C-alpha atoms as a PDB file:
ATOM      1  CA  MET A   1     -46.023-110.762  74.390  1.00  0.00           C
ATOM      2  CA  SER A   2     -46.473-112.837  77.550  1.00  0.00           C
ATOM      3  CA  LYS A   3     -48.168-111.200  80.524  1.00  0.00           C
ATOM      4  CA  TYR A   4     -45.356-112.586  82.734  1.00  0.00           C
ATOM      5  CA  GLN A   5     -41.717-111.603  82.699  1.00  0.00           C
ATOM      6  CA  ASP A   6     -39.055-114.261  82.146  1.00  0.00           C
ATOM      7  CA  ILE A   7     -36.522-113.266  84.762  1.00  0.00           C
ATOM      8  CA  ASP A   8     -33.345-114.437  86.408  1.00  0.00           C
ATOM      9  CA  PHE A   9     -34.473-114.038  90.015  1.00  0.00           C
ATOM     10  CA  GLU A  10     -34.428-116.248  93.069  1.00  0.00           C
ATOM     11  CA  LEU A  11     -36.608-116.331  96.164  1.00  0.00           C
ATOM     12  CA  ILE A  12     -34.882-116.557  99.526  1.00  0.00           C
ATOM     13  CA  VAL A  13     -37.226-118.062 102.106  1.00  0.00           C
ATOM     14  CA  THR A  14     -36.113-117.463 105.700  1.00  0.00           C
ATOM     15  CA  ILE A  15     -37.944-118.942 108.704  1.00  0.00           C
ATOM     16  CA  VAL A  16     -37.030-117.574 112.144  1.00  0.00           C
ATOM     17  CA  ASN A  17     -38.632-117.288 115.577  1.00  0.00           C
ATOM     18  CA  LYS A  18     -41.340-114.645 115.851  1.00  0.00           C
ATOM     19  CA  GLY A  19     -39.913-111.206 116.417  1.00  0.00           C
ATOM     20  CA  HIS A  20     -36.701-111.762 114.471  1.00  0.00           C
ATOM     21  CA  CYS A  21     -37.992-110.694 111.050  1.00  0.00           C
ATOM     22  CA  GLY A  22     -36.515-107.206 111.477  1.00  0.00           C
ATOM     23  CA  THR A  23     -33.024-108.664 111.725  1.00  0.00           C
ATOM     24  CA  VAL A  24     -33.570-110.618 108.492  1.00  0.00           C
ATOM     25  CA  LEU A  25     -34.965-107.592 106.663  1.00  0.00           C
ATOM     26  CA  ASP A  26     -32.232-105.235 107.861  1.00  0.00           C
ATOM     27  CA  ALA A  27     -29.486-107.661 106.812  1.00  0.00           C
ATOM     28  CA  SER A  28     -31.034-108.354 103.417  1.00  0.00           C
ATOM     29  CA  LEU A  29     -31.597-104.670 102.648  1.00  0.00           C
ATOM     30  CA  GLU A  30     -28.028-103.835 103.609  1.00  0.00           C
ATOM     31  CA  ALA A  31     -26.794-106.600 101.285  1.00  0.00           C
ATOM     32  CA  GLY A  32     -28.735-105.357  98.256  1.00  0.00           C
ATOM     33  CA  ALA A  33     -32.295-106.679  98.484  1.00  0.00           C
ATOM     34  CA  GLU A  34     -35.093-104.189  97.903  1.00  0.00           C
ATOM     35  CA  GLY A  35     -37.544-105.477 100.497  1.00  0.00           C
ATOM     36  CA  GLY A  36     -39.348-108.561 101.680  1.00  0.00           C
ATOM     37  CA  THR A  37     -42.699-110.014 102.631  1.00  0.00           C
ATOM     38  CA  ILE A  38     -43.363-111.290 106.149  1.00  0.00           C
ATOM     39  CA  ILE A  39     -45.787-114.142 106.815  1.00  0.00           C
ATOM     40  CA  THR A  40     -46.601-115.595 110.244  1.00  0.00           C
ATOM     41  CA  GLY A  41     -46.501-119.366 110.724  1.00  0.00           C
ATOM     42  CA  ARG A  42     -46.095-122.058 113.395  1.00  0.00           C
ATOM     43  CA  GLY A  43     -43.194-124.434 113.821  1.00  0.00           C
ATOM     44  CA  SER A  44     -43.494-128.180 114.289  1.00  0.00           C
ATOM     45  CA  GLY A  45     -39.883-129.396 114.112  1.00  0.00           C
ATOM     46  CA  ILE A  46     -37.828-131.174 116.754  1.00  0.00           C
ATOM     47  CA  HIS A  47     -36.865-127.863 118.401  1.00  0.00           C
ATOM     48  CA  GLU A  48     -40.501-126.759 118.792  1.00  0.00           C
ATOM     49  CA  LYS A  49     -41.722-129.499 121.164  1.00  0.00           C
ATOM     50  CA  ALA A  50     -41.910-127.387 124.334  1.00  0.00           C
ATOM     51  CA  LYS A  51     -44.704-128.083 126.803  1.00  0.00           C
ATOM     52  CA  LEU A  52     -46.560-126.011 129.360  1.00  0.00           C
ATOM     53  CA  PHE A  53     -48.790-127.872 131.831  1.00  0.00           C
ATOM     54  CA  SER A  54     -48.779-130.941 129.535  1.00  0.00           C
ATOM     55  CA  PHE A  55     -49.971-128.902 126.560  1.00  0.00           C
ATOM     56  CA  ALA A  56     -47.754-128.836 123.489  1.00  0.00           C
ATOM     57  CA  ILE A  57     -46.600-125.356 122.521  1.00  0.00           C
ATOM     58  CA  GLU A  58     -45.911-124.649 118.891  1.00  0.00           C
ATOM     59  CA  PRO A  59     -44.053-121.338 118.769  1.00  0.00           C
ATOM     60  CA  GLU A  60     -44.970-118.818 116.127  1.00  0.00           C
ATOM     61  CA  LYS A  61     -42.498-118.190 113.319  1.00  0.00           C
ATOM     62  CA  ASP A  62     -41.787-115.310 110.988  1.00  0.00           C
ATOM     63  CA  ILE A  63     -41.405-116.347 107.360  1.00  0.00           C
ATOM     64  CA  ILE A  64     -39.637-113.773 105.219  1.00  0.00           C
ATOM     65  CA  LEU A  65     -39.839-113.974 101.425  1.00  0.00           C
ATOM     66  CA  THR A  66     -37.115-112.020  99.656  1.00  0.00           C
ATOM     67  CA  LEU A  67     -37.088-111.865  95.836  1.00  0.00           C
ATOM     68  CA  VAL A  68     -33.640-110.929  94.548  1.00  0.00           C
ATOM     69  CA  PRO A  69     -31.806-110.898  91.221  1.00  0.00           C
ATOM     70  CA  HIS A  70     -29.699-114.025  90.783  1.00  0.00           C
ATOM     71  CA  ASP A  71     -26.432-112.078  91.006  1.00  0.00           C
ATOM     72  CA  ARG A  72     -27.332-110.755  94.500  1.00  0.00           C
ATOM     73  CA  THR A  73     -28.620-114.012  96.011  1.00  0.00           C
ATOM     74  CA  GLU A  74     -25.372-115.230  97.554  1.00  0.00           C
ATOM     75  CA  LYS A  75     -24.529-111.877  99.151  1.00  0.00           C
ATOM     76  CA  VAL A  76     -28.046-111.451 100.599  1.00  0.00           C
ATOM     77  CA  LEU A  77     -28.202-115.035 101.874  1.00  0.00           C
ATOM     78  CA  GLU A  78     -24.789-114.738 103.538  1.00  0.00           C
ATOM     79  CA  ALA A  79     -25.871-111.512 105.251  1.00  0.00           C
ATOM     80  CA  ILE A  80     -29.059-113.151 106.549  1.00  0.00           C
ATOM     81  CA  VAL A  81     -27.161-116.177 107.875  1.00  0.00           C
ATOM     82  CA  LYS A  82     -24.568-114.015 109.609  1.00  0.00           C
ATOM     83  CA  ALA A  83     -27.118-111.646 111.190  1.00  0.00           C
ATOM     84  CA  THR A  84     -29.469-114.371 112.424  1.00  0.00           C
ATOM     85  CA  LYS A  85     -26.997-117.160 113.349  1.00  0.00           C
ATOM     86  CA  LEU A  86     -28.819-119.613 111.057  1.00  0.00           C
ATOM     87  CA  ASN A  87     -25.725-121.806 111.021  1.00  0.00           C
ATOM     88  CA  GLU A  88     -26.412-122.660 114.694  1.00  0.00           C
ATOM     89  CA  PRO A  89     -29.152-125.109 115.792  1.00  0.00           C
ATOM     90  CA  GLY A  90     -32.523-123.683 116.755  1.00  0.00           C
ATOM     91  CA  TYR A  91     -32.198-120.261 115.116  1.00  0.00           C
ATOM     92  CA  GLY A  92     -34.149-121.004 111.946  1.00  0.00           C
ATOM     93  CA  ILE A  93     -33.598-121.998 108.344  1.00  0.00           C
ATOM     94  CA  ALA A  94     -33.241-120.387 104.943  1.00  0.00           C
ATOM     95  CA  PHE A  95     -33.416-121.807 101.451  1.00  0.00           C
ATOM     96  CA  VAL A  96     -33.431-120.518  97.884  1.00  0.00           C
ATOM     97  CA  ILE A  97     -35.954-121.267  95.133  1.00  0.00           C
ATOM     98  CA  ASP A  98     -35.466-120.459  91.445  1.00  0.00           C
ATOM     99  CA  VAL A  99     -38.167-118.161  90.053  1.00  0.00           C
ATOM    100  CA  GLU A 100     -39.085-118.779  86.422  1.00  0.00           C
ATOM    101  CA  LYS A 101     -41.727-116.117  85.909  1.00  0.00           C
ATOM    102  CA  ALA A 102     -43.085-113.169  87.873  1.00  0.00           C
ATOM    103  CA  THR A 103     -45.227-110.120  87.465  1.00  0.00           C
ATOM    104  CA  GLY A 104     -45.596-106.866  89.372  1.00  0.00           C
ATOM    105  CA  ILE A 105     -41.871-106.230  89.876  1.00  0.00           C
ATOM    106  CA  ASN A 106     -41.280-103.914  86.928  1.00  0.00           C
ATOM    107  CA  HIS A 107     -38.929-101.672  88.913  1.00  0.00           C
ATOM    108  CA  LEU A 108     -36.563-104.666  89.374  1.00  0.00           C
ATOM    109  CA  ILE A 109     -36.707-105.814  85.738  1.00  0.00           C
ATOM    110  CA  GLU A 110     -35.929-102.502  84.016  1.00  0.00           C
END
């Protein structure tokens, strides 16, 4: 038996301005996700080129990783987009990655 589980899960990666991770988590939990992982990062896109006294400012970002069963992905993603206005410029982005194998999520596989 393999030490990894073959699963039908997807990873929703959401990147928003720092301080907005709670909105993403609340929306995803309400839509059927069981949690998420928050990572801090810095933006460098066209919307992050603000300056202060001639110094470039790269605003901090919250990156939220949400692992969900394939059949819940669309509902969770739609809830995140609606709650965070990701369909409007400058609010952030989200994308989905297929997950082939994972371990440590036994409560989701059973």
